[in-house]
Amino acid sequence: MLLINPSINIKSQNKLLSNYIYSSFPTGIGYLACYLRKYNAANITIFDENINQLTEQKLNEALSQISLPRIVGISCLTLTVKRGMELANKIKRIAPDTTIIVGGIHPTVMPEDCLLETGVDVVVRGEGEVTLSYLYDFIKGGNSYYNVDGISFIKDKKIIHNKSRELIGNLDTIPEFPYSLFEKDINKYRDFGSILTSRGCPYPCIFCSQRAITGGKYRYFSTERCLKEIGLLVNKYNQKKIWFIEDNMGVHKKRLFDLVDGIISCGYNQKAEFVADLRADSIDYDLIVKLKKANFTMFVIGAETGSEKLMKVINKKETVKQNNEAIILATRHGIKVSAVYMFGLPTETREERKLTFKLSRKLPLDNVRFNIATPYPGTALYKMAKAEGRLTVLDGWENFSVQYYLMGDIIPYYAKDTNKYLLIYDTLMANLRTYISFRGLKSLAKSTLSGGAVISIPKKLSFNDFIIILRLGAFLLKRFVYILYKAKIEIVLKKM
């Protein structure tokens, strides 16, 4: 079986910037692969387009090596679904007898869109391991898969949605992550040392699409299993930085303390440093002290806004004050903090954007990023934007990138009475003022991650890097001048 992680829509992100944008390690297809290998004795080939573009020649070669009946699985986010559908249609043309299964967050919440593509046979909704395992056995056995829970398909020209499958209760039934399937490309990944120790987040933030998969239920792998995987990364693969790439690492405090104690007792804190995503309201003195001892060197916090009113609007269930206190506490103990803020939230005023930017300047942040709020399918924000009649979707969802404001003007959502061009201008200006400064340049030069933990600049810049950075600077300047002009024109027209 072939599993594909498709590349981002080429119209969603500047090609020059893509050279330095951090792309998450493809844990999704990795877990599918290890599950199928254990429970179905499947021979799995993985193709990750983040590091290797799947050309037609490579695709032909990969398909020719799959035993019949041939199955291909494609995992899609909103930003990768266009490429995913292109690959599905191409595979059907090359090998029409192939059964093509798509899954991931976007197909889960928009299954009809995927099934209308001629290349797609089945959509897997929700967590994919168990459902795909059933599908694999039915298809390989030449049997009908129409009664499998958790799938959508077309039968007799009608779209059928079978009942949803329950989430996996015991995550340890999922085999250990198959790093061996990715090790041939270890030098191409900036984050090969990625690990997932839990799934889900119980908080109802209106902008988060992960709830479409997890339903807000929080589960975690056993401490013993997690320590074994960390040991593999540290000892076998010599990883000096371990990234905990999960929705919310701090939900269960006792579990987290047990894991950190294990890291210390195994001596992994002497061999590697650790980076984690945490909510501010989970950070306190005892946790900071423990994480510092375990050599956690950076937290990534979704600070979102400097407005207490907007924190309630987005249903964050924490406060600006809690964010600020957590950031200050962590930095006082020598742990860097990377923060992400959003502009363009419902009911937001320009004064609130200015407040957020000023706050980011006052706080002792190692790096920060400002995005325009994006109403991803499956989120409460998406439903809100659609109900207001203010949702704009371009072909292939190309405008559903938090960096799309650098590429085009048709952002997917902006609130009523908001000047769209001023919103784009404020976002662009906030990022430029952050990084064209002593603190910003220092962060870019010294930090492994900058720009709210998405920009990764090589420690040693090549001549080609300097050329790319100069071209990127020229592009940003041109974009800035254009947006400034459009914003001023809109202001004048509004006054007339």
Protein backbone atom coordinates (compact mmCIF):
# COMPACT_ATOMS: atom_id res chain seq x y z
CA MET A 1 0.00 0.00 0.00
CA LEU A 2 1.15 3.53 -0.79
CA LEU A 3 0.55 6.32 1.75
CA ILE A 4 0.99 9.93 0.59
CA ASN A 5 1.37 13.18 2.50
CA PRO A 6 0.67 15.76 -0.27
CA SER A 7 2.34 19.15 -0.54
CA ILE A 8 0.73 22.49 0.26
CA ASN A 9 -1.22 24.35 -2.44
CA ILE A 10 1.45 26.24 -4.39
CA LYS A 11 -0.78 29.33 -4.51
CA SER A 12 -1.13 29.48 -0.73
CA GLN A 13 2.42 30.25 0.26
CA ASN A 14 5.27 32.27 -1.22
CA LYS A 15 7.87 29.93 -2.76
CA LEU A 16 10.76 31.98 -1.39
CA LEU A 17 9.33 31.89 2.13
CA SER A 18 8.70 28.15 1.81
CA ASN A 19 12.45 27.58 1.94
CA TYR A 20 12.40 28.57 5.61
CA ILE A 21 8.92 27.55 6.74
CA TYR A 22 8.93 24.67 9.17
CA SER A 23 6.68 21.80 8.01
CA SER A 24 5.39 19.41 10.65
CA PHE A 25 6.76 15.89 10.67
CA PRO A 26 4.13 13.61 9.02
CA THR A 27 3.07 11.65 12.08
CA GLY A 28 -0.39 11.02 10.60
CA ILE A 29 0.71 8.69 7.80
CA GLY A 30 3.38 7.25 10.08
CA TYR A 31 0.81 5.98 12.57
CA LEU A 32 -1.35 4.60 9.78
CA ALA A 33 1.67 2.74 8.43
CA CYS A 34 2.69 1.16 11.73
CA TYR A 35 -0.89 0.10 12.48
CA LEU A 36 -1.31 -1.57 9.09
CA ARG A 37 2.07 -3.27 9.34
CA LYS A 38 1.22 -4.80 12.73
CA TYR A 39 -2.44 -5.74 12.36
CA ASN A 40 -2.64 -6.37 8.60
CA ALA A 41 0.92 -7.49 7.82
CA ALA A 42 0.83 -4.82 5.12
CA ASN A 43 3.83 -3.79 3.03
CA ILE A 44 3.78 0.01 3.24
CA THR A 45 5.51 2.63 1.10
CA ILE A 46 5.43 6.25 2.32
CA PHE A 47 5.82 9.36 0.23
CA ASP A 48 6.08 12.74 1.95
CA GLU A 49 5.89 15.60 -0.54
CA ASN A 50 7.19 18.06 2.04
CA ILE A 51 10.65 16.74 1.26
CA ASN A 52 10.25 14.87 -2.06
CA GLN A 53 7.92 15.98 -4.83
CA LEU A 54 6.03 13.03 -6.27
CA THR A 55 6.72 13.32 -9.99
CA GLU A 56 4.80 11.27 -12.53
CA GLN A 57 7.82 9.01 -12.98
CA LYS A 58 8.13 8.39 -9.24
CA LEU A 59 4.38 7.83 -9.01
CA ASN A 60 4.48 5.25 -11.82
CA GLU A 61 7.35 3.46 -10.13
CA ALA A 62 5.61 3.44 -6.75
CA LEU A 63 2.32 2.15 -8.20
CA SER A 64 4.05 -0.61 -10.14
CA GLN A 65 5.52 -1.97 -6.90
CA ILE A 66 2.15 -2.29 -5.07
CA SER A 67 0.64 -5.76 -5.09
CA LEU A 68 -2.88 -6.18 -6.45
CA PRO A 69 -5.53 -5.24 -5.55
CA ARG A 70 -3.77 -1.88 -5.38
CA ILE A 71 -4.59 0.58 -2.55
CA VAL A 72 -3.41 4.18 -2.13
CA GLY A 73 -4.13 6.35 0.91
CA ILE A 74 -3.82 10.15 0.86
CA SER A 75 -3.92 12.23 4.07
CA CYS A 76 -5.15 15.80 3.56
CA LEU A 77 -5.31 19.08 5.40
CA THR A 78 -7.26 22.01 3.96
CA LEU A 79 -4.04 23.45 2.53
CA THR A 80 -3.00 20.15 0.96
CA VAL A 81 -6.36 18.89 -0.31
CA LYS A 82 -5.94 20.44 -3.78
CA ARG A 83 -2.70 18.57 -4.34
CA GLY A 84 -4.21 15.47 -2.76
CA MET A 85 -7.08 15.51 -5.25
CA GLU A 86 -4.67 16.13 -8.14
CA LEU A 87 -2.73 13.03 -7.13
CA ALA A 88 -5.91 10.97 -6.71
CA ASN A 89 -7.11 11.87 -10.19
CA LYS A 90 -3.66 11.24 -11.68
CA ILE A 91 -3.43 7.82 -10.03
CA LYS A 92 -6.85 6.87 -11.43
CA ARG A 93 -5.66 7.78 -14.93
CA ILE A 94 -2.45 5.78 -14.56
CA ALA A 95 -3.96 2.77 -12.77
CA PRO A 96 -7.80 2.84 -12.93
CA ASP A 97 -8.13 -0.33 -10.84
CA THR A 98 -6.54 1.36 -7.80
CA THR A 99 -8.75 1.94 -4.76
CA ILE A 100 -8.01 5.45 -3.51
CA ILE A 101 -8.78 6.33 0.10
CA VAL A 102 -8.47 9.86 1.47
CA GLY A 103 -8.52 10.92 5.10
CA GLY A 104 -7.37 13.62 7.49
CA ILE A 105 -9.02 16.71 8.91
CA HIS A 106 -10.32 18.19 5.66
CA PRO A 107 -11.90 15.00 4.25
CA THR A 108 -13.39 14.33 7.69
CA VAL A 109 -15.36 17.60 7.69
CA MET A 110 -15.81 17.98 3.92
CA PRO A 111 -16.24 14.39 2.64
CA GLU A 112 -18.60 15.39 -0.16
CA ASP A 113 -16.00 17.70 -1.71
CA CYS A 114 -13.52 14.84 -1.91
CA LEU A 115 -15.99 12.24 -3.19
CA LEU A 116 -17.01 14.48 -6.07
CA GLU A 117 -13.48 14.05 -7.42
CA THR A 118 -13.35 11.20 -9.94
CA GLY A 119 -10.22 9.77 -8.36
CA VAL A 120 -11.57 9.22 -4.84
CA ASP A 121 -13.30 5.98 -3.88
CA VAL A 122 -13.58 6.22 -0.09
CA VAL A 123 -13.26 8.92 2.56
CA VAL A 124 -12.12 7.91 6.04
CA ARG A 125 -13.58 10.23 8.67
CA GLY A 126 -11.95 10.80 12.06
CA GLU A 127 -9.06 8.77 13.43
CA GLY A 128 -7.91 6.57 10.61
CA GLU A 129 -5.98 3.63 12.03
CA VAL A 130 -8.77 1.16 12.82
CA THR A 131 -11.00 2.17 9.91
CA LEU A 132 -8.18 1.88 7.39
CA SER A 133 -7.22 -1.50 8.83
CA TYR A 134 -10.72 -2.82 8.15
CA LEU A 135 -10.75 -1.29 4.67
CA TYR A 136 -7.40 -2.83 3.84
CA ASP A 137 -8.52 -6.35 4.72
CA PHE A 138 -11.84 -6.06 2.87
CA ILE A 139 -10.27 -4.65 -0.29
CA LYS A 140 -7.36 -7.10 -0.32
CA GLY A 141 -9.81 -9.94 0.23
CA GLY A 142 -11.95 -8.81 -2.68
CA ASN A 143 -14.91 -8.11 -0.41
CA SER A 144 -17.31 -5.18 -0.14
CA TYR A 145 -16.33 -2.50 2.37
CA TYR A 146 -19.67 -0.66 2.38
CA ASN A 147 -20.54 -1.62 5.97
CA VAL A 148 -17.32 -0.31 7.54
CA ASP A 149 -17.91 2.34 10.21
CA GLY A 150 -16.26 5.74 9.81
CA ILE A 151 -16.32 5.98 6.02
CA SER A 152 -18.15 7.88 3.29
CA PHE A 153 -18.51 6.72 -0.32
CA ILE A 154 -20.71 6.92 -3.40
CA LYS A 155 -23.13 4.11 -4.15
CA ASP A 156 -25.75 4.20 -6.88
CA LYS A 157 -24.85 7.86 -7.49
CA LYS A 158 -25.65 8.76 -3.89
CA ILE A 159 -23.18 9.84 -1.19
CA ILE A 160 -23.39 7.51 1.79
CA HIS A 161 -22.05 8.40 5.24
CA ASN A 162 -21.70 5.39 7.52
CA LYS A 163 -21.88 5.96 11.26
CA SER A 164 -18.79 7.43 12.87
CA ARG A 165 -16.24 5.20 14.53
CA GLU A 166 -15.45 5.66 18.21
CA LEU A 167 -12.05 7.04 19.12
CA ILE A 168 -9.33 4.61 20.14
CA GLY A 169 -9.61 4.24 23.91
CA ASN A 170 -6.16 2.84 24.68
CA LEU A 171 -3.57 4.59 22.52
CA ASP A 172 -0.97 1.97 23.41
CA THR A 173 -2.79 -0.42 21.07
CA ILE A 174 -1.25 1.68 18.30
CA PRO A 175 2.25 0.32 17.62
CA GLU A 176 5.32 2.44 18.29
CA PHE A 177 5.96 5.11 15.68
CA PRO A 178 7.89 3.74 12.65
CA TYR A 179 10.81 6.17 12.49
CA SER A 180 12.60 3.55 10.39
CA LEU A 181 10.27 4.34 7.47
CA PHE A 182 11.55 7.93 7.46
CA GLU A 183 15.19 7.44 8.43
CA LYS A 184 16.46 7.41 4.84
CA ASP A 185 15.50 11.09 4.69
CA ILE A 186 16.63 11.97 8.22
CA ASN A 187 18.87 14.80 7.00
CA LYS A 188 16.03 16.38 5.05
CA TYR A 189 13.81 16.77 8.12
CA ARG A 190 14.46 19.70 10.44
CA ASP A 191 12.31 18.01 13.05
CA PHE A 192 13.00 14.29 12.76
CA GLY A 193 13.00 14.23 16.56
CA SER A 194 9.24 14.69 16.71
CA ILE A 195 7.08 12.71 19.11
CA LEU A 196 3.38 12.57 19.91
CA THR A 197 2.56 11.56 23.49
CA SER A 198 -1.14 12.46 23.53
CA ARG A 199 -4.13 13.19 21.33
CA GLY A 200 -6.88 15.73 21.72
CA CYS A 201 -7.64 18.87 23.68
CA PRO A 202 -10.77 19.49 25.80
CA TYR A 203 -10.91 23.25 25.16
CA PRO A 204 -13.49 24.67 22.69
CA CYS A 205 -11.50 27.42 20.90
CA ILE A 206 -13.53 28.56 17.89
CA PHE A 207 -10.59 28.50 15.48
CA CYS A 208 -9.23 24.97 16.16
CA SER A 209 -9.98 22.27 13.59
CA GLN A 210 -8.46 19.38 15.56
CA ARG A 211 -11.75 18.84 17.40
CA ALA A 212 -13.12 17.48 14.12
CA ILE A 213 -10.91 14.44 14.70
CA THR A 214 -10.66 14.17 18.48
CA GLY A 215 -14.05 15.57 19.50
CA GLY A 216 -12.43 17.30 22.47
CA LYS A 217 -11.51 13.98 24.11
CA TYR A 218 -8.03 13.85 25.64
CA ARG A 219 -6.02 10.60 25.64
CA TYR A 220 -2.35 9.83 26.13
CA PHE A 221 0.20 7.09 25.56
CA SER A 222 1.75 5.37 28.56
CA THR A 223 4.84 6.96 30.07
CA GLU A 224 6.87 3.80 29.45
CA ARG A 225 6.02 3.81 25.77
CA CYS A 226 6.83 7.53 25.38
CA LEU A 227 10.20 7.14 27.12
CA LYS A 228 11.04 4.23 24.84
CA GLU A 229 10.39 6.38 21.75
CA ILE A 230 12.36 9.31 23.16
CA GLY A 231 15.21 6.89 23.86
CA LEU A 232 15.09 5.69 20.26
CA LEU A 233 15.30 9.25 18.95
CA VAL A 234 18.10 10.22 21.31
CA ASN A 235 20.22 7.06 21.26
CA LYS A 236 19.69 5.54 17.82
CA TYR A 237 19.01 8.63 15.73
CA ASN A 238 21.19 11.03 17.76
CA GLN A 239 18.51 13.73 17.89
CA LYS A 240 19.58 16.74 19.95
CA LYS A 241 16.15 18.40 19.93
CA ILE A 242 12.88 16.61 20.69
CA TRP A 243 9.62 18.25 19.63
CA PHE A 244 6.37 17.36 21.35
CA ILE A 245 3.98 17.99 18.45
CA GLU A 246 0.61 17.54 20.10
CA ASP A 247 -2.53 19.58 20.60
CA ASN A 248 -2.02 20.34 24.28
CA MET A 249 0.70 18.66 26.30
CA GLY A 250 -0.36 20.06 29.67
CA VAL A 251 -3.94 18.80 30.01
CA HIS A 252 -3.14 16.05 32.52
CA LYS A 253 -0.60 17.39 35.03
CA LYS A 254 0.22 14.10 36.76
CA ARG A 255 0.82 12.41 33.42
CA LEU A 256 3.11 15.24 32.36
CA PHE A 257 5.07 15.17 35.65
CA ASP A 258 5.50 11.38 35.35
CA LEU A 259 6.81 11.78 31.80
CA VAL A 260 9.22 14.55 32.77
CA ASP A 261 10.47 12.55 35.77
CA GLY A 262 11.13 9.69 33.37
CA ILE A 263 13.08 11.93 31.01
CA ILE A 264 15.28 13.01 33.92
CA SER A 265 15.76 9.52 35.38
CA CYS A 266 16.74 8.14 31.95
CA GLY A 267 19.24 10.95 31.51
CA TYR A 268 17.69 12.12 28.25
CA ASN A 269 17.86 15.71 29.53
CA GLN A 270 21.65 15.39 29.35
CA LYS A 271 21.53 14.34 25.71
CA ALA A 272 18.79 16.50 24.17
CA GLU A 273 16.67 19.61 24.65
CA PHE A 274 12.88 19.64 24.44
CA VAL A 275 10.25 21.92 22.90
CA ALA A 276 6.55 21.74 23.82
CA ASP A 277 3.22 23.39 22.99
CA LEU A 278 1.47 24.42 26.20
CA ARG A 279 -1.52 26.45 27.20
CA ALA A 280 -0.61 29.27 29.56
CA ASP A 281 -3.13 28.17 32.18
CA SER A 282 -1.27 24.87 32.61
CA ILE A 283 2.00 26.62 33.46
CA ASP A 284 2.86 27.22 37.11
CA TYR A 285 6.00 27.44 39.23
CA ASP A 286 6.27 23.73 40.03
CA LEU A 287 5.87 22.76 36.38
CA ILE A 288 8.41 25.34 35.21
CA VAL A 289 11.02 24.12 37.68
CA LYS A 290 10.48 20.51 36.66
CA LEU A 291 10.56 21.24 32.91
CA LYS A 292 13.67 23.37 33.28
CA LYS A 293 15.42 20.50 35.06
CA ALA A 294 14.40 18.20 32.20
CA ASN A 295 16.03 20.63 29.71
CA PHE A 296 12.88 22.01 28.13
CA THR A 297 14.26 25.08 26.37
CA MET A 298 11.21 26.51 24.61
CA PHE A 299 7.44 26.65 24.98
CA VAL A 300 5.12 27.55 22.10
CA ILE A 301 2.02 29.37 23.37
CA GLY A 302 -1.07 30.37 21.44
CA ALA A 303 -1.48 33.77 23.06
CA GLU A 304 -4.04 34.79 20.37
CA THR A 305 -4.81 38.38 21.44
CA GLY A 306 -4.11 41.14 23.93
CA SER A 307 -7.83 41.81 24.41
CA GLU A 308 -9.69 40.13 27.27
CA LYS A 309 -12.93 40.74 25.40
CA LEU A 310 -11.67 38.84 22.35
CA MET A 311 -10.41 35.97 24.50
CA LYS A 312 -14.04 35.44 25.47
CA VAL A 313 -15.23 35.80 21.87
CA ILE A 314 -12.90 33.00 20.72
CA ASN A 315 -13.92 30.82 23.70
CA LYS A 316 -10.30 30.33 24.73
CA LYS A 317 -11.20 29.62 28.36
CA GLU A 318 -8.12 31.46 29.61
CA THR A 319 -7.15 35.10 29.99
CA VAL A 320 -4.61 37.53 28.62
CA LYS A 321 -3.34 37.90 32.17
CA GLN A 322 -2.66 34.17 32.40
CA ASN A 323 -0.74 34.29 29.11
CA ASN A 324 1.37 37.21 30.29
CA GLU A 325 2.14 35.64 33.66
CA ALA A 326 3.12 32.31 32.09
CA ILE A 327 5.44 34.01 29.59
CA ILE A 328 7.15 36.04 32.31
CA LEU A 329 7.46 33.04 34.64
CA ALA A 330 9.00 30.83 31.96
CA THR A 331 11.54 33.41 30.78
CA ARG A 332 12.60 34.19 34.35
CA HIS A 333 13.60 30.56 34.66
CA GLY A 334 15.54 30.55 31.41
CA ILE A 335 12.94 28.94 29.14
CA LYS A 336 12.27 30.73 25.88
CA VAL A 337 8.70 31.40 24.80
CA SER A 338 7.40 31.58 21.26
CA ALA A 339 3.95 33.17 20.91
CA VAL A 340 1.34 33.27 18.18
CA TYR A 341 -1.24 36.08 17.93
CA MET A 342 -4.21 36.41 15.58
CA PHE A 343 -5.66 39.48 13.94
CA GLY A 344 -9.06 39.66 12.26
CA LEU A 345 -11.06 37.94 14.98
CA PRO A 346 -14.83 38.46 15.14
CA THR A 347 -15.79 41.91 16.56
CA GLU A 348 -12.11 42.96 16.68
CA THR A 349 -11.32 46.66 16.35
CA ARG A 350 -8.13 48.19 15.02
CA GLU A 351 -7.43 49.50 18.52
CA GLU A 352 -7.43 45.90 19.78
CA ARG A 353 -4.89 44.95 17.12
CA LYS A 354 -2.66 47.82 18.23
CA LEU A 355 -3.10 46.71 21.84
CA THR A 356 -2.02 43.18 20.94
CA PHE A 357 1.07 44.37 19.08
CA LYS A 358 2.14 46.70 21.91
CA LEU A 359 1.72 43.85 24.39
CA SER A 360 3.94 41.57 22.29
CA ARG A 361 6.66 44.24 22.39
CA LYS A 362 6.52 44.54 26.17
CA LEU A 363 6.60 40.82 26.93
CA PRO A 364 9.96 38.97 27.09
CA LEU A 365 9.18 36.76 24.09
CA ASP A 366 11.93 35.01 22.18
CA ASN A 367 9.88 35.21 19.00
CA VAL A 368 6.34 35.94 17.90
CA ARG A 369 4.13 35.61 14.84
CA PHE A 370 0.98 37.48 13.80
CA ASN A 371 -1.55 35.62 11.64
CA ILE A 372 -4.90 36.54 10.19
CA ALA A 373 -7.59 34.34 11.73
CA THR A 374 -8.54 31.60 9.28
CA PRO A 375 -11.95 29.87 9.49
CA TYR A 376 -10.91 26.30 8.76
CA PRO A 377 -13.71 23.87 7.86
CA GLY A 378 -15.02 22.06 10.91
CA THR A 379 -14.45 24.98 13.27
CA ALA A 380 -16.97 27.20 15.01
CA LEU A 381 -15.32 30.16 13.27
CA TYR A 382 -16.07 28.59 9.88
CA LYS A 383 -19.73 28.17 10.79
CA MET A 384 -19.82 31.73 12.09
CA ALA A 385 -18.27 33.17 8.91
CA LYS A 386 -20.63 31.16 6.73
CA ALA A 387 -23.70 32.20 8.74
CA GLU A 388 -22.68 35.85 8.43
CA GLY A 389 -22.29 35.46 4.67
CA ARG A 390 -18.68 36.53 5.01
CA LEU A 391 -16.91 33.33 3.97
CA THR A 392 -14.88 33.36 0.75
CA VAL A 393 -13.35 30.14 -0.56
CA LEU A 394 -11.05 30.26 -3.57
CA ASP A 395 -10.39 27.31 -5.84
CA GLY A 396 -8.57 24.54 -4.00
CA TRP A 397 -8.94 26.44 -0.71
CA GLU A 398 -5.82 28.35 -1.71
CA ASN A 399 -6.66 31.33 0.53
CA PHE A 400 -6.90 29.16 3.68
CA SER A 401 -3.34 29.74 4.78
CA VAL A 402 -2.53 31.97 7.74
CA GLN A 403 0.20 33.48 5.53
CA TYR A 404 -2.07 33.98 2.50
CA TYR A 405 -2.21 37.73 3.14
CA LEU A 406 1.31 37.80 1.67
CA MET A 407 0.03 36.25 -1.55
CA GLY A 408 -3.34 37.81 -2.25
CA ASP A 409 -6.09 40.13 -1.04
CA ILE A 410 -9.01 37.68 -0.95
CA ILE A 411 -8.65 36.47 2.61
CA PRO A 412 -11.35 33.92 3.59
CA TYR A 413 -12.93 35.99 6.35
CA TYR A 414 -12.92 39.42 7.93
CA ALA A 415 -15.47 40.82 10.33
CA LYS A 416 -18.18 43.29 9.45
CA ASP A 417 -17.02 46.93 9.52
CA THR A 418 -13.39 45.81 9.19
CA ASN A 419 -11.28 47.40 6.46
CA LYS A 420 -9.77 44.32 4.81
CA TYR A 421 -6.70 46.14 3.53
CA LEU A 422 -6.04 47.76 6.89
CA LEU A 423 -6.26 44.32 8.47
CA ILE A 424 -3.69 42.94 6.03
CA TYR A 425 -1.54 46.05 6.47
CA ASP A 426 -1.61 45.77 10.27
CA THR A 427 -0.67 42.08 10.13
CA LEU A 428 2.15 42.66 7.69
CA MET A 429 3.40 45.68 9.63
CA ALA A 430 3.32 43.83 12.96
CA ASN A 431 5.49 41.02 11.56
CA LEU A 432 7.89 43.40 9.81
CA ARG A 433 8.29 45.62 12.87
CA THR A 434 8.88 42.53 14.99
CA TYR A 435 11.68 41.12 12.84
CA ILE A 436 13.25 44.28 11.47
CA SER A 437 14.41 45.11 14.97
CA PHE A 438 17.34 44.16 17.18
CA ARG A 439 15.31 41.58 19.09
CA GLY A 440 13.78 40.15 15.93
CA LEU A 441 17.06 39.86 14.03
CA LYS A 442 18.68 38.30 17.08
CA SER A 443 15.91 35.71 17.23
CA LEU A 444 16.28 34.88 13.54
CA ALA A 445 20.03 34.51 13.94
CA LYS A 446 20.16 32.52 17.18
CA SER A 447 16.90 30.63 17.62
CA THR A 448 16.27 27.28 15.99
CA LEU A 449 12.70 28.47 15.48
CA SER A 450 11.43 32.00 14.96
CA GLY A 451 8.26 33.60 13.70
CA GLY A 452 6.05 31.93 16.27
CA ALA A 453 7.89 28.65 15.78
CA VAL A 454 7.41 28.35 12.00
CA ILE A 455 10.51 30.07 10.60
CA SER A 456 13.67 27.96 10.63
CA ILE A 457 16.79 29.70 9.34
CA PRO A 458 19.90 27.53 8.71
CA LYS A 459 22.73 28.23 11.12
CA LYS A 460 25.12 28.57 8.19
CA LEU A 461 23.72 30.59 5.31
CA SER A 462 24.91 29.70 1.82
CA PHE A 463 25.32 32.17 -1.01
CA ASN A 464 22.02 30.87 -2.40
CA ASP A 465 20.35 31.59 0.97
CA PHE A 466 21.48 35.21 0.79
CA ILE A 467 20.03 35.53 -2.72
CA ILE A 468 16.72 34.01 -1.60
CA ILE A 469 16.52 36.31 1.43
CA LEU A 470 17.22 39.38 -0.75
CA ARG A 471 14.52 38.33 -3.20
CA LEU A 472 12.13 37.66 -0.33
CA GLY A 473 12.86 41.12 1.08
CA ALA A 474 12.08 42.71 -2.28
CA PHE A 475 8.84 40.74 -2.50
CA LEU A 476 7.74 41.82 0.99
CA LEU A 477 8.58 45.45 0.28
CA LYS A 478 6.54 45.40 -2.93
CA ARG A 479 3.63 43.74 -1.12
CA PHE A 480 3.83 46.24 1.73
CA VAL A 481 3.72 49.28 -0.58
CA TYR A 482 0.77 47.82 -2.50
CA ILE A 483 -1.24 47.05 0.65
CA LEU A 484 -0.50 50.49 2.12
CA TYR A 485 -1.79 52.11 -1.07
CA LYS A 486 -4.96 49.96 -1.10
CA ALA A 487 -5.64 50.65 2.58
CA LYS A 488 -5.38 54.42 2.07
CA ILE A 489 -7.68 54.28 -0.97
CA GLU A 490 -10.27 52.34 1.07
CA ILE A 491 -10.10 54.92 3.86
CA VAL A 492 -10.63 57.80 1.40
CA LEU A 493 -13.54 56.04 -0.31
CA LYS A 494 -15.19 55.33 3.05
CA LYS A 495 -15.07 59.03 3.98
CA MET A 496 -16.65 60.12 0.70
